[in-house]
Amino acid sequence: MAKKIAALGIAKKVYDEARKPHNQAKIRSAVQKMQERRRPR
C-alpha cells in the first residue's frame, strides 16, 4: 500500500512538472531529437 501511495505521489509530481510551458518545450525538443535519431538514413 505504501509503495502504491509513493508511486502515485511521484506520478503526480511528474505530471505537474510536465504541464509547465517551459518544460513542455523541453519535452517536445527531446522527443524531436529521439525521432530524428530513429529515422533510417
N, C-alpha and C. Protein backbone atom coordinates (compact mmCIF):
# COMPACT_ATOMS: atom_id res chain seq x y z
N MET A 1 0.83 -1.19 0.00
CA MET A 1 0.00 0.00 0.00
C MET A 1 0.88 1.27 0.00
N ALA A 2 1.93 1.26 0.81
CA ALA A 2 2.81 2.42 0.88
C ALA A 2 3.51 2.66 -0.46
N LYS A 3 3.90 1.57 -1.13
CA LYS A 3 4.55 1.72 -2.44
C LYS A 3 3.60 2.35 -3.44
N LYS A 4 2.33 1.96 -3.38
CA LYS A 4 1.33 2.50 -4.30
C LYS A 4 1.14 4.00 -4.08
N ILE A 5 1.08 4.41 -2.81
CA ILE A 5 0.92 5.83 -2.48
C ILE A 5 2.14 6.61 -2.94
N ALA A 6 3.32 6.06 -2.73
CA ALA A 6 4.56 6.73 -3.16
C ALA A 6 4.58 6.86 -4.68
N ALA A 7 4.19 5.81 -5.39
CA ALA A 7 4.18 5.85 -6.85
C ALA A 7 3.20 6.89 -7.36
N LEU A 8 2.04 6.99 -6.71
CA LEU A 8 1.06 8.00 -7.12
C LEU A 8 1.59 9.41 -6.87
N GLY A 9 2.30 9.60 -5.78
CA GLY A 9 2.88 10.90 -5.47
C GLY A 9 3.92 11.30 -6.50
N ILE A 10 4.76 10.36 -6.89
CA ILE A 10 5.79 10.62 -7.90
C ILE A 10 5.13 10.91 -9.24
N ALA A 11 4.12 10.13 -9.60
CA ALA A 11 3.43 10.33 -10.88
C ALA A 11 2.78 11.71 -10.92
N LYS A 12 2.20 12.15 -9.81
CA LYS A 12 1.56 13.47 -9.77
C LYS A 12 2.60 14.56 -9.95
N LYS A 13 3.75 14.41 -9.31
CA LYS A 13 4.83 15.41 -9.43
C LYS A 13 5.31 15.51 -10.88
N VAL A 14 5.51 14.36 -11.52
CA VAL A 14 5.95 14.35 -12.92
C VAL A 14 4.90 15.01 -13.80
N TYR A 15 3.63 14.68 -13.57
CA TYR A 15 2.53 15.25 -14.35
C TYR A 15 2.47 16.77 -14.18
N ASP A 16 2.58 17.24 -12.94
CA ASP A 16 2.54 18.68 -12.68
C ASP A 16 3.71 19.41 -13.35
N GLU A 17 4.89 18.82 -13.30
CA GLU A 17 6.05 19.44 -13.95
C GLU A 17 5.89 19.45 -15.47
N ALA A 18 5.31 18.40 -16.03
CA ALA A 18 5.14 18.30 -17.48
C ALA A 18 4.12 19.31 -17.99
N ARG A 19 3.25 19.81 -17.14
CA ARG A 19 2.24 20.77 -17.56
C ARG A 19 2.80 22.19 -17.68
N LYS A 20 3.95 22.46 -17.10
CA LYS A 20 4.53 23.80 -17.15
C LYS A 20 5.04 24.08 -18.57
N PRO A 21 4.74 25.27 -19.11
CA PRO A 21 5.11 25.58 -20.51
C PRO A 21 6.58 25.40 -20.84
N HIS A 22 7.49 25.85 -19.96
CA HIS A 22 8.91 25.72 -20.29
C HIS A 22 9.34 24.25 -20.30
N ASN A 23 8.70 23.44 -19.49
CA ASN A 23 9.02 22.01 -19.50
C ASN A 23 8.42 21.32 -20.72
N GLN A 24 7.26 21.81 -21.19
CA GLN A 24 6.67 21.24 -22.40
C GLN A 24 7.59 21.46 -23.59
N ALA A 25 8.23 22.61 -23.66
CA ALA A 25 9.16 22.90 -24.75
C ALA A 25 10.36 21.94 -24.69
N LYS A 26 10.86 21.69 -23.49
CA LYS A 26 11.98 20.76 -23.33
C LYS A 26 11.58 19.35 -23.75
N ILE A 27 10.37 18.93 -23.37
CA ILE A 27 9.89 17.60 -23.72
C ILE A 27 9.75 17.47 -25.24
N ARG A 28 9.17 18.49 -25.87
CA ARG A 28 9.00 18.46 -27.34
C ARG A 28 10.33 18.35 -28.04
N SER A 29 11.32 19.13 -27.60
CA SER A 29 12.63 19.07 -28.27
C SER A 29 13.29 17.72 -28.06
N ALA A 30 13.13 17.14 -26.89
CA ALA A 30 13.71 15.82 -26.62
C ALA A 30 13.05 14.76 -27.49
N VAL A 31 11.73 14.83 -27.64
CA VAL A 31 11.01 13.87 -28.48
C VAL A 31 11.44 14.03 -29.93
N GLN A 32 11.61 15.25 -30.37
CA GLN A 32 12.02 15.50 -31.76
C GLN A 32 13.42 14.93 -32.01
N LYS A 33 14.32 15.11 -31.07
CA LYS A 33 15.68 14.56 -31.21
C LYS A 33 15.65 13.04 -31.28
N MET A 34 14.83 12.42 -30.44
CA MET A 34 14.72 10.95 -30.46
C MET A 34 14.18 10.48 -31.80
N GLN A 35 13.18 11.18 -32.33
CA GLN A 35 12.60 10.78 -33.62
C GLN A 35 13.63 10.91 -34.73
N GLU A 36 14.44 11.96 -34.69
CA GLU A 36 15.47 12.16 -35.71
C GLU A 36 16.52 11.04 -35.64
N ARG A 37 16.86 10.60 -34.46
CA ARG A 37 17.86 9.54 -34.30
C ARG A 37 17.32 8.20 -34.80
N ARG A 38 16.01 7.98 -34.65
CA ARG A 38 15.43 6.67 -35.02
C ARG A 38 15.17 6.56 -36.52
N ARG A 39 15.14 7.69 -37.23
CA ARG A 39 14.88 7.65 -38.67
C ARG A 39 16.02 6.93 -39.39
N PRO A 40 15.68 6.04 -40.30
CA PRO A 40 16.74 5.40 -41.09
C PRO A 40 17.38 6.39 -42.05
N ARG A 41 18.66 6.23 -42.27
CA ARG A 41 19.36 7.18 -43.15
C ARG A 41 19.36 6.74 -44.59
